[in-house]
Amino acid sequence: MQINSATSAILTQEMKTQAEDAKLRKACSDFESLFIYNLLKNGRQSLPQGGLLGHSNESKIMTSMLDQTLAEKCSEGNGLGIGEMLYRQLNAPQAAKGGNLEAVL
């Protein structure tokens, strides 16, 4: 099997597109995780202070780490769907350039 320069250029472009697509998906997932983290953090601020752990710095750090872990786990897979919707919105201009109208809709 012989690969000419045109085929090689097409394969290289497709690999770049796939790498950019993976980066965009990761960024959208990270955004969803950050969004969920802020929801948890702000929701926790509305609760009365006290409880078993009190007001110590250690409890604040532990709670922050817990919120971050929960946010990351919630955004894995389909998550809340915010990351997927963001991905579709950001990827739509690229799909329109390629002529794929179904991806835009």
PDB file of N, CA and C in Angstrom:
ATOM      1  N   MET A   1       0.846  -1.178   0.000  1.00  0.00           N
ATOM      2  CA  MET A   1       0.000   0.000   0.000  1.00  0.00           C
ATOM      3  C   MET A   1       0.886   1.233   0.000  1.00  0.00           C
ATOM      4  N   GLN A   2       0.630   2.092  -0.936  1.00  0.00           N
ATOM      5  CA  GLN A   2       1.438   3.292  -1.070  1.00  0.00           C
ATOM      6  C   GLN A   2       0.587   4.513  -0.734  1.00  0.00           C
ATOM      7  N   ILE A   3       1.131   5.368   0.109  1.00  0.00           N
ATOM      8  CA  ILE A   3       0.416   6.577   0.515  1.00  0.00           C
ATOM      9  C   ILE A   3       1.109   7.770  -0.118  1.00  0.00           C
ATOM     10  N   ASN A   4       0.369   8.510  -0.912  1.00  0.00           N
ATOM     11  CA  ASN A   4       0.962   9.688  -1.534  1.00  0.00           C
ATOM     12  C   ASN A   4       0.821  10.891  -0.602  1.00  0.00           C
ATOM     13  N   SER A   5       1.371  12.006  -1.003  1.00  0.00           N
ATOM     14  CA  SER A   5       1.378  13.188  -0.136  1.00  0.00           C
ATOM     15  C   SER A   5      -0.023  13.750   0.086  1.00  0.00           C
ATOM     16  N   ALA A   6      -0.913  13.628  -0.886  1.00  0.00           N
ATOM     17  CA  ALA A   6      -2.280  14.133  -0.714  1.00  0.00           C
ATOM     18  C   ALA A   6      -3.023  13.319   0.335  1.00  0.00           C
ATOM     19  N   THR A   7      -2.870  12.001   0.273  1.00  0.00           N
ATOM     20  CA  THR A   7      -3.506  11.133   1.268  1.00  0.00           C
ATOM     21  C   THR A   7      -2.926  11.401   2.646  1.00  0.00           C
ATOM     22  N   SER A   8      -1.629  11.582   2.693  1.00  0.00           N
ATOM     23  CA  SER A   8      -0.968  11.880   3.963  1.00  0.00           C
ATOM     24  C   SER A   8      -1.468  13.201   4.545  1.00  0.00           C
ATOM     25  N   ALA A   9      -1.661  14.196   3.700  1.00  0.00           N
ATOM     26  CA  ALA A   9      -2.158  15.497   4.163  1.00  0.00           C
ATOM     27  C   ALA A   9      -3.577  15.379   4.698  1.00  0.00           C
ATOM     28  N   ILE A  10      -4.406  14.576   4.026  1.00  0.00           N
ATOM     29  CA  ILE A  10      -5.785  14.376   4.487  1.00  0.00           C
ATOM     30  C   ILE A  10      -5.796  13.679   5.838  1.00  0.00           C
ATOM     31  N   LEU A  11      -4.966  12.646   5.983  1.00  0.00           N
ATOM     32  CA  LEU A  11      -4.897  11.924   7.257  1.00  0.00           C
ATOM     33  C   LEU A  11      -4.392  12.830   8.374  1.00  0.00           C
ATOM     34  N   THR A  12      -3.393  13.641   8.076  1.00  0.00           N
ATOM     35  CA  THR A  12      -2.859  14.569   9.075  1.00  0.00           C
ATOM     36  C   THR A  12      -3.916  15.579   9.492  1.00  0.00           C
ATOM     37  N   GLN A  13      -4.671  16.102   8.531  1.00  0.00           N
ATOM     38  CA  GLN A  13      -5.728  17.065   8.838  1.00  0.00           C
ATOM     39  C   GLN A  13      -6.808  16.423   9.694  1.00  0.00           C
ATOM     40  N   GLU A  14      -7.174  15.173   9.375  1.00  0.00           N
ATOM     41  CA  GLU A  14      -8.206  14.488  10.152  1.00  0.00           C
ATOM     42  C   GLU A  14      -7.722  14.220  11.576  1.00  0.00           C
ATOM     43  N   MET A  15      -6.446  13.882  11.738  1.00  0.00           N
ATOM     44  CA  MET A  15      -5.903  13.665  13.083  1.00  0.00           C
ATOM     45  C   MET A  15      -5.912  14.969  13.873  1.00  0.00           C
ATOM     46  N   LYS A  16      -5.599  16.089  13.217  1.00  0.00           N
ATOM     47  CA  LYS A  16      -5.653  17.390  13.885  1.00  0.00           C
ATOM     48  C   LYS A  16      -7.079  17.708  14.311  1.00  0.00           C
ATOM     49  N   THR A  17      -8.035  17.428  13.415  1.00  0.00           N
ATOM     50  CA  THR A  17      -9.439  17.690  13.716  1.00  0.00           C
ATOM     51  C   THR A  17      -9.896  16.854  14.901  1.00  0.00           C
ATOM     52  N   GLN A  18      -9.499  15.583  14.933  1.00  0.00           N
ATOM     53  CA  GLN A  18      -9.873  14.713  16.047  1.00  0.00           C
ATOM     54  C   GLN A  18      -9.239  15.187  17.350  1.00  0.00           C
ATOM     55  N   ALA A  19      -7.987  15.644  17.287  1.00  0.00           N
ATOM     56  CA  ALA A  19      -7.314  16.146  18.485  1.00  0.00           C
ATOM     57  C   ALA A  19      -7.995  17.419  18.986  1.00  0.00           C
ATOM     58  N   GLU A  20      -8.360  18.307  18.065  1.00  0.00           N
ATOM     59  CA  GLU A  20      -9.058  19.536  18.452  1.00  0.00           C
ATOM     60  C   GLU A  20     -10.431  19.223  19.025  1.00  0.00           C
ATOM     61  N   ASP A  21     -11.100  18.230  18.450  1.00  0.00           N
ATOM     62  CA  ASP A  21     -12.410  17.809  18.938  1.00  0.00           C
ATOM     63  C   ASP A  21     -12.297  17.268  20.365  1.00  0.00           C
ATOM     64  N   ALA A  22     -11.263  16.471  20.617  1.00  0.00           N
ATOM     65  CA  ALA A  22     -11.056  15.923  21.962  1.00  0.00           C
ATOM     66  C   ALA A  22     -10.764  17.037  22.964  1.00  0.00           C
ATOM     67  N   LYS A  23      -9.980  18.027  22.550  1.00  0.00           N
ATOM     68  CA  LYS A  23      -9.684  19.165  23.430  1.00  0.00           C
ATOM     69  C   LYS A  23     -10.951  19.950  23.747  1.00  0.00           C
ATOM     70  N   LEU A  24     -11.792  20.154  22.732  1.00  0.00           N
ATOM     71  CA  LEU A  24     -13.040  20.892  22.934  1.00  0.00           C
ATOM     72  C   LEU A  24     -13.970  20.131  23.873  1.00  0.00           C
ATOM     73  N   ARG A  25     -14.083  18.815  23.693  1.00  0.00           N
ATOM     74  CA  ARG A  25     -14.923  18.007  24.587  1.00  0.00           C
ATOM     75  C   ARG A  25     -14.414  18.078  26.026  1.00  0.00           C
ATOM     76  N   LYS A  26     -13.092  18.014  26.204  1.00  0.00           N
ATOM     77  CA  LYS A  26     -12.498  18.082  27.543  1.00  0.00           C
ATOM     78  C   LYS A  26     -12.772  19.445  28.169  1.00  0.00           C
ATOM     79  N   ALA A  27     -12.617  20.508  27.400  1.00  0.00           N
ATOM     80  CA  ALA A  27     -12.865  21.858  27.918  1.00  0.00           C
ATOM     81  C   ALA A  27     -14.327  22.024  28.321  1.00  0.00           C
ATOM     82  N   CYS A  28     -15.241  21.483  27.531  1.00  0.00           N
ATOM     83  CA  CYS A  28     -16.671  21.584  27.848  1.00  0.00           C
ATOM     84  C   CYS A  28     -17.006  20.786  29.099  1.00  0.00           C
ATOM     85  N   SER A  29     -16.396  19.614  29.242  1.00  0.00           N
ATOM     86  CA  SER A  29     -16.608  18.803  30.441  1.00  0.00           C
ATOM     87  C   SER A  29     -16.040  19.508  31.675  1.00  0.00           C
ATOM     88  N   ASP A  30     -14.869  20.123  31.524  1.00  0.00           N
ATOM     89  CA  ASP A  30     -14.267  20.865  32.635  1.00  0.00           C
ATOM     90  C   ASP A  30     -15.124  22.069  33.021  1.00  0.00           C
ATOM     91  N   PHE A  31     -15.708  22.736  32.024  1.00  0.00           N
ATOM     92  CA  PHE A  31     -16.595  23.861  32.313  1.00  0.00           C
ATOM     93  C   PHE A  31     -17.804  23.387  33.106  1.00  0.00           C
ATOM     94  N   GLU A  32     -18.381  22.253  32.704  1.00  0.00           N
ATOM     95  CA  GLU A  32     -19.538  21.719  33.426  1.00  0.00           C
ATOM     96  C   GLU A  32     -19.155  21.381  34.864  1.00  0.00           C
ATOM     97  N   SER A  33     -17.979  20.804  35.052  1.00  0.00           N
ATOM     98  CA  SER A  33     -17.504  20.484  36.393  1.00  0.00           C
ATOM     99  C   SER A  33     -17.354  21.747  37.235  1.00  0.00           C
ATOM    100  N   LEU A  34     -16.786  22.791  36.656  1.00  0.00           N
ATOM    101  CA  LEU A  34     -16.620  24.062  37.364  1.00  0.00           C
ATOM    102  C   LEU A  34     -17.969  24.683  37.702  1.00  0.00           C
ATOM    103  N   PHE A  35     -18.916  24.577  36.788  1.00  0.00           N
ATOM    104  CA  PHE A  35     -20.260  25.099  37.016  1.00  0.00           C
ATOM    105  C   PHE A  35     -20.924  24.370  38.188  1.00  0.00           C
ATOM    106  N   ILE A  36     -20.834  23.053  38.199  1.00  0.00           N
ATOM    107  CA  ILE A  36     -21.428  22.261  39.282  1.00  0.00           C
ATOM    108  C   ILE A  36     -20.740  22.580  40.602  1.00  0.00           C
ATOM    109  N   TYR A  37     -19.411  22.734  40.567  1.00  0.00           N
ATOM    110  CA  TYR A  37     -18.669  23.075  41.785  1.00  0.00           C
ATOM    111  C   TYR A  37     -19.183  24.389  42.372  1.00  0.00           C
ATOM    112  N   ASN A  38     -19.380  25.388  41.523  1.00  0.00           N
ATOM    113  CA  ASN A  38     -19.879  26.679  42.012  1.00  0.00           C
ATOM    114  C   ASN A  38     -21.298  26.576  42.536  1.00  0.00           C
ATOM    115  N   LEU A  39     -22.120  25.732  41.922  1.00  0.00           N
ATOM    116  CA  LEU A  39     -23.467  25.497  42.451  1.00  0.00           C
ATOM    117  C   LEU A  39     -23.399  24.906  43.861  1.00  0.00           C
ATOM    118  N   LEU A  40     -22.550  23.904  44.028  1.00  0.00           N
ATOM    119  CA  LEU A  40     -22.413  23.272  45.342  1.00  0.00           C
ATOM    120  C   LEU A  40     -21.862  24.252  46.375  1.00  0.00           C
ATOM    121  N   LYS A  41     -20.836  24.996  45.986  1.00  0.00           N
ATOM    122  CA  LYS A  41     -20.202  25.950  46.897  1.00  0.00           C
ATOM    123  C   LYS A  41     -21.189  27.028  47.347  1.00  0.00           C
ATOM    124  N   ASN A  42     -21.907  27.614  46.398  1.00  0.00           N
ATOM    125  CA  ASN A  42     -22.863  28.666  46.739  1.00  0.00           C
ATOM    126  C   ASN A  42     -24.064  28.111  47.484  1.00  0.00           C
ATOM    127  N   GLY A  43     -24.472  26.913  47.145  1.00  0.00           N
ATOM    128  CA  GLY A  43     -25.566  26.280  47.877  1.00  0.00           C
ATOM    129  C   GLY A  43     -25.186  25.990  49.314  1.00  0.00           C
ATOM    130  N   ARG A  44     -23.945  25.591  49.516  1.00  0.00           N
ATOM    131  CA  ARG A  44     -23.474  25.292  50.868  1.00  0.00           C
ATOM    132  C   ARG A  44     -23.398  26.559  51.721  1.00  0.00           C
ATOM    133  N   GLN A  45     -23.124  27.694  51.100  1.00  0.00           N
ATOM    134  CA  GLN A  45     -23.052  28.957  51.841  1.00  0.00           C
ATOM    135  C   GLN A  45     -24.414  29.373  52.376  1.00  0.00           C
ATOM    136  N   SER A  46     -25.469  28.878  51.762  1.00  0.00           N
ATOM    137  CA  SER A  46     -26.809  29.239  52.220  1.00  0.00           C
ATOM    138  C   SER A  46     -27.251  28.419  53.434  1.00  0.00           C
ATOM    139  N   LEU A  47     -26.488  27.378  53.760  1.00  0.00           N
ATOM    140  CA  LEU A  47     -26.824  26.545  54.918  1.00  0.00           C
ATOM    141  C   LEU A  47     -26.310  27.185  56.200  1.00  0.00           C
ATOM    142  N   PRO A  48     -26.958  26.911  57.329  1.00  0.00           N
ATOM    143  CA  PRO A  48     -26.451  27.437  58.599  1.00  0.00           C
ATOM    144  C   PRO A  48     -25.078  26.847  58.922  1.00  0.00           C
ATOM    145  N   GLN A  49     -24.229  27.669  59.515  1.00  0.00           N
ATOM    146  CA  GLN A  49     -22.886  27.222  59.898  1.00  0.00           C
ATOM    147  C   GLN A  49     -22.960  26.337  61.137  1.00  0.00           C
ATOM    148  N   GLY A  50     -21.927  25.566  61.337  1.00  0.00           N
ATOM    149  CA  GLY A  50     -21.870  24.701  62.510  1.00  0.00           C
ATOM    150  C   GLY A  50     -21.889  23.249  62.098  1.00  0.00           C
ATOM    151  N   GLY A  51     -22.519  22.442  62.901  1.00  0.00           N
ATOM    152  CA  GLY A  51     -22.579  21.027  62.599  1.00  0.00           C
ATOM    153  C   GLY A  51     -21.445  20.277  63.262  1.00  0.00           C
ATOM    154  N   LEU A  52     -21.149  19.116  62.763  1.00  0.00           N
ATOM    155  CA  LEU A  52     -20.127  18.266  63.369  1.00  0.00           C
ATOM    156  C   LEU A  52     -18.718  18.813  63.210  1.00  0.00           C
ATOM    157  N   LEU A  53     -18.448  19.473  62.102  1.00  0.00           N
ATOM    158  CA  LEU A  53     -17.085  19.906  61.818  1.00  0.00           C
ATOM    159  C   LEU A  53     -16.781  21.326  62.268  1.00  0.00           C
ATOM    160  N   GLY A  54     -17.774  22.120  62.534  1.00  0.00           N
ATOM    161  CA  GLY A  54     -17.542  23.482  63.006  1.00  0.00           C
ATOM    162  C   GLY A  54     -17.081  24.406  61.898  1.00  0.00           C
ATOM    163  N   HIS A  55     -16.323  25.454  62.296  1.00  0.00           N
ATOM    164  CA  HIS A  55     -15.896  26.502  61.363  1.00  0.00           C
ATOM    165  C   HIS A  55     -14.402  26.455  61.082  1.00  0.00           C
ATOM    166  N   SER A  56     -13.729  25.387  61.376  1.00  0.00           N
ATOM    167  CA  SER A  56     -12.270  25.354  61.252  1.00  0.00           C
ATOM    168  C   SER A  56     -11.833  25.440  59.786  1.00  0.00           C
ATOM    169  N   ASN A  57     -10.587  25.861  59.602  1.00  0.00           N
ATOM    170  CA  ASN A  57     -10.017  25.921  58.255  1.00  0.00           C
ATOM    171  C   ASN A  57      -9.955  24.537  57.627  1.00  0.00           C
ATOM    172  N   GLU A  58      -9.674  23.539  58.468  1.00  0.00           N
ATOM    173  CA  GLU A  58      -9.601  22.170  57.969  1.00  0.00           C
ATOM    174  C   GLU A  58     -10.939  21.721  57.394  1.00  0.00           C
ATOM    175  N   SER A  59     -12.019  22.069  58.077  1.00  0.00           N
ATOM    176  CA  SER A  59     -13.339  21.667  57.582  1.00  0.00           C
ATOM    177  C   SER A  59     -13.682  22.399  56.287  1.00  0.00           C
ATOM    178  N   LYS A  60     -13.244  23.657  56.171  1.00  0.00           N
ATOM    179  CA  LYS A  60     -13.489  24.398  54.931  1.00  0.00           C
ATOM    180  C   LYS A  60     -12.732  23.771  53.760  1.00  0.00           C
ATOM    181  N   ILE A  61     -11.485  23.374  54.013  1.00  0.00           N
ATOM    182  CA  ILE A  61     -10.683  22.727  52.972  1.00  0.00           C
ATOM    183  C   ILE A  61     -11.296  21.388  52.582  1.00  0.00           C
ATOM    184  N   MET A  62     -11.702  20.611  53.581  1.00  0.00           N
ATOM    185  CA  MET A  62     -12.298  19.310  53.309  1.00  0.00           C
ATOM    186  C   MET A  62     -13.601  19.458  52.524  1.00  0.00           C
ATOM    187  N   THR A  63     -14.415  20.419  52.912  1.00  0.00           N
ATOM    188  CA  THR A  63     -15.682  20.656  52.220  1.00  0.00           C
ATOM    189  C   THR A  63     -15.436  21.095  50.781  1.00  0.00           C
ATOM    190  N   SER A  64     -14.447  21.949  50.573  1.00  0.00           N
ATOM    191  CA  SER A  64     -14.103  22.397  49.227  1.00  0.00           C
ATOM    192  C   SER A  64     -13.629  21.227  48.365  1.00  0.00           C
ATOM    193  N   MET A  65     -12.801  20.359  48.947  1.00  0.00           N
ATOM    194  CA  MET A  65     -12.325  19.184  48.215  1.00  0.00           C
ATOM    195  C   MET A  65     -13.477  18.234  47.898  1.00  0.00           C
ATOM    196  N   LEU A  66     -14.397  18.083  48.840  1.00  0.00           N
ATOM    197  CA  LEU A  66     -15.567  17.237  48.621  1.00  0.00           C
ATOM    198  C   LEU A  66     -16.419  17.797  47.483  1.00  0.00           C
ATOM    199  N   ASP A  67     -16.653  19.097  47.501  1.00  0.00           N
ATOM    200  CA  ASP A  67     -17.439  19.730  46.442  1.00  0.00           C
ATOM    201  C   ASP A  67     -16.769  19.555  45.080  1.00  0.00           C
ATOM    202  N   GLN A  68     -15.445  19.698  45.050  1.00  0.00           N
ATOM    203  CA  GLN A  68     -14.717  19.550  43.794  1.00  0.00           C
ATOM    204  C   GLN A  68     -14.820  18.123  43.267  1.00  0.00           C
ATOM    205  N   THR A  69     -14.671  17.146  44.151  1.00  0.00           N
ATOM    206  CA  THR A  69     -14.775  15.746  43.741  1.00  0.00           C
ATOM    207  C   THR A  69     -16.183  15.416  43.268  1.00  0.00           C
ATOM    208  N   LEU A  70     -17.188  15.896  44.001  1.00  0.00           N
ATOM    209  CA  LEU A  70     -18.573  15.666  43.585  1.00  0.00           C
ATOM    210  C   LEU A  70     -18.846  16.286  42.218  1.00  0.00           C
ATOM    211  N   ALA A  71     -18.336  17.480  42.004  1.00  0.00           N
ATOM    212  CA  ALA A  71     -18.544  18.159  40.723  1.00  0.00           C
ATOM    213  C   ALA A  71     -17.898  17.383  39.582  1.00  0.00           C
ATOM    214  N   GLU A  72     -16.686  16.886  39.805  1.00  0.00           N
ATOM    215  CA  GLU A  72     -16.003  16.112  38.768  1.00  0.00           C
ATOM    216  C   GLU A  72     -16.757  14.827  38.460  1.00  0.00           C
ATOM    217  N   LYS A  73     -17.235  14.143  39.490  1.00  0.00           N
ATOM    218  CA  LYS A  73     -17.974  12.892  39.283  1.00  0.00           C
ATOM    219  C   LYS A  73     -19.312  13.150  38.601  1.00  0.00           C
ATOM    220  N   CYS A  74     -19.965  14.250  38.956  1.00  0.00           N
ATOM    221  CA  CYS A  74     -21.260  14.575  38.341  1.00  0.00           C
ATOM    222  C   CYS A  74     -21.117  14.923  36.868  1.00  0.00           C
ATOM    223  N   SER A  75     -19.982  15.483  36.479  1.00  0.00           N
ATOM    224  CA  SER A  75     -19.810  15.891  35.085  1.00  0.00           C
ATOM    225  C   SER A  75     -19.265  14.774  34.206  1.00  0.00           C
ATOM    226  N   GLU A  76     -18.888  13.632  34.793  1.00  0.00           N
ATOM    227  CA  GLU A  76     -18.412  12.503  33.993  1.00  0.00           C
ATOM    228  C   GLU A  76     -19.567  11.910  33.198  1.00  0.00           C
ATOM    229  N   GLY A  77     -19.238  11.303  32.096  1.00  0.00           N
ATOM    230  CA  GLY A  77     -20.279  10.701  31.263  1.00  0.00           C
ATOM    231  C   GLY A  77     -21.168  11.773  30.674  1.00  0.00           C
ATOM    232  N   ASN A  78     -22.460  11.619  30.821  1.00  0.00           N
ATOM    233  CA  ASN A  78     -23.400  12.615  30.302  1.00  0.00           C
ATOM    234  C   ASN A  78     -23.546  13.800  31.238  1.00  0.00           C
ATOM    235  N   GLY A  79     -23.267  13.608  32.521  1.00  0.00           N
ATOM    236  CA  GLY A  79     -23.383  14.695  33.481  1.00  0.00           C
ATOM    237  C   GLY A  79     -24.769  15.299  33.484  1.00  0.00           C
ATOM    238  N   LEU A  80     -24.824  16.601  33.619  1.00  0.00           N
ATOM    239  CA  LEU A  80     -26.099  17.312  33.574  1.00  0.00           C
ATOM    240  C   LEU A  80     -26.498  17.662  32.142  1.00  0.00           C
ATOM    241  N   GLY A  81     -25.571  17.496  31.231  1.00  0.00           N
ATOM    242  CA  GLY A  81     -25.839  17.816  29.833  1.00  0.00           C
ATOM    243  C   GLY A  81     -25.360  19.195  29.425  1.00  0.00           C
ATOM    244  N   ILE A  82     -24.852  19.957  30.376  1.00  0.00           N
ATOM    245  CA  ILE A  82     -24.379  21.313  30.076  1.00  0.00           C
ATOM    246  C   ILE A  82     -23.156  21.256  29.165  1.00  0.00           C
ATOM    247  N   GLY A  83     -22.238  20.359  29.471  1.00  0.00           N
ATOM    248  CA  GLY A  83     -21.034  20.220  28.659  1.00  0.00           C
ATOM    249  C   GLY A  83     -21.346  19.812  27.231  1.00  0.00           C
ATOM    250  N   GLU A  84     -22.286  18.895  27.061  1.00  0.00           N
ATOM    251  CA  GLU A  84     -22.667  18.441  25.722  1.00  0.00           C
ATOM    252  C   GLU A  84     -23.341  19.565  24.932  1.00  0.00           C
ATOM    253  N   MET A  85     -24.219  20.326  25.592  1.00  0.00           N
ATOM    254  CA  MET A  85     -24.869  21.449  24.907  1.00  0.00           C
ATOM    255  C   MET A  85     -23.843  22.506  24.504  1.00  0.00           C
ATOM    256  N   LEU A  86     -22.898  22.780  25.395  1.00  0.00           N
ATOM    257  CA  LEU A  86     -21.845  23.743  25.090  1.00  0.00           C
ATOM    258  C   LEU A  86     -20.993  23.249  23.925  1.00  0.00           C
ATOM    259  N   TYR A  87     -20.666  21.960  23.938  1.00  0.00           N
ATOM    260  CA  TYR A  87     -19.885  21.373  22.845  1.00  0.00           C
ATOM    261  C   TYR A  87     -20.611  21.533  21.513  1.00  0.00           C
ATOM    262  N   ARG A  88     -21.898  21.244  21.496  1.00  0.00           N
ATOM    263  CA  ARG A  88     -22.669  21.372  20.250  1.00  0.00           C
ATOM    264  C   ARG A  88     -22.674  22.813  19.757  1.00  0.00           C
ATOM    265  N   GLN A  89     -22.826  23.760  20.688  1.00  0.00           N
ATOM    266  CA  GLN A  89     -22.848  25.169  20.296  1.00  0.00           C
ATOM    267  C   GLN A  89     -21.500  25.619  19.742  1.00  0.00           C
ATOM    268  N   LEU A  90     -20.421  25.199  20.391  1.00  0.00           N
ATOM    269  CA  LEU A  90     -19.094  25.621  19.955  1.00  0.00           C
ATOM    270  C   LEU A  90     -18.642  24.884  18.702  1.00  0.00           C
ATOM    271  N   ASN A  91     -19.138  23.681  18.501  1.00  0.00           N
ATOM    272  CA  ASN A  91     -18.747  22.881  17.348  1.00  0.00           C
ATOM    273  C   ASN A  91     -19.612  23.189  16.124  1.00  0.00           C
ATOM    274  N   ALA A  92     -20.740  23.845  16.304  1.00  0.00           N
ATOM    275  CA  ALA A  92     -21.667  24.120  15.204  1.00  0.00           C
ATOM    276  C   ALA A  92     -21.037  24.936  14.075  1.00  0.00           C
ATOM    277  N   PRO A  93     -20.264  25.985  14.354  1.00  0.00           N
ATOM    278  CA  PRO A  93     -19.654  26.729  13.238  1.00  0.00           C
ATOM    279  C   PRO A  93     -18.718  25.862  12.402  1.00  0.00           C
ATOM    280  N   GLN A  94     -17.998  24.943  13.033  1.00  0.00           N
ATOM    281  CA  GLN A  94     -17.100  24.057  12.299  1.00  0.00           C
ATOM    282  C   GLN A  94     -17.894  23.086  11.443  1.00  0.00           C
ATOM    283  N   ALA A  95     -19.002  22.592  11.971  1.00  0.00           N
ATOM    284  CA  ALA A  95     -19.833  21.662  11.217  1.00  0.00           C
ATOM    285  C   ALA A  95     -20.475  22.373  10.031  1.00  0.00           C
ATOM    286  N   ALA A  96     -20.835  23.642  10.210  1.00  0.00           N
ATOM    287  CA  ALA A  96     -21.443  24.403   9.118  1.00  0.00           C
ATOM    288  C   ALA A  96     -20.439  24.627   7.990  1.00  0.00           C
ATOM    289  N   LYS A  97     -19.180  24.826   8.345  1.00  0.00           N
ATOM    290  CA  LYS A  97     -18.151  24.994   7.321  1.00  0.00           C
ATOM    291  C   LYS A  97     -17.987  23.721   6.504  1.00  0.00           C
ATOM    292  N   GLY A  98     -18.138  22.582   7.176  1.00  0.00           N
ATOM    293  CA  GLY A  98     -17.995  21.308   6.489  1.00  0.00           C
ATOM    294  C   GLY A  98     -19.222  20.924   5.692  1.00  0.00           C
ATOM    295  N   GLY A  99     -20.307  21.680   5.835  1.00  0.00           N
ATOM    296  CA  GLY A  99     -21.508  21.410   5.074  1.00  0.00           C
ATOM    297  C   GLY A  99     -22.445  20.434   5.744  1.00  0.00           C
ATOM    298  N   ASN A 100     -22.184  20.062   6.990  1.00  0.00           N
ATOM    299  CA  ASN A 100     -23.042  19.120   7.697  1.00  0.00           C
ATOM    300  C   ASN A 100     -24.106  19.906   8.456  1.00  0.00           C
ATOM    301  N   LEU A 101     -25.269  20.093   7.845  1.00  0.00           N
ATOM    302  CA  LEU A 101     -26.317  20.904   8.459  1.00  0.00           C
ATOM    303  C   LEU A 101     -26.996  20.194   9.617  1.00  0.00           C
ATOM    304  N   GLU A 102     -27.016  18.860   9.623  1.00  0.00           N
ATOM    305  CA  GLU A 102     -27.640  18.130  10.725  1.00  0.00           C
ATOM    306  C   GLU A 102     -26.910  18.385  12.035  1.00  0.00           C
ATOM    307  N   ALA A 103     -25.590  18.525  11.986  1.00  0.00           N
ATOM    308  CA  ALA A 103     -24.828  18.781  13.202  1.00  0.00           C
ATOM    309  C   ALA A 103     -25.150  20.153  13.771  1.00  0.00           C
ATOM    310  N   VAL A 104     -25.484  21.108  12.922  1.00  0.00           N
ATOM    311  CA  VAL A 104     -25.821  22.453  13.382  1.00  0.00           C
ATOM    312  C   VAL A 104     -27.183  22.455  14.047  1.00  0.00           C
ATOM    313  N   LEU A 105     -28.124  21.719  13.476  1.00  0.00           N
ATOM    314  CA  LEU A 105     -29.480  21.672  14.003  1.00  0.00           C
ATOM    315  C   LEU A 105     -29.492  20.743  15.160  1.00  0.00           C
TER     316      LEU A 105
END
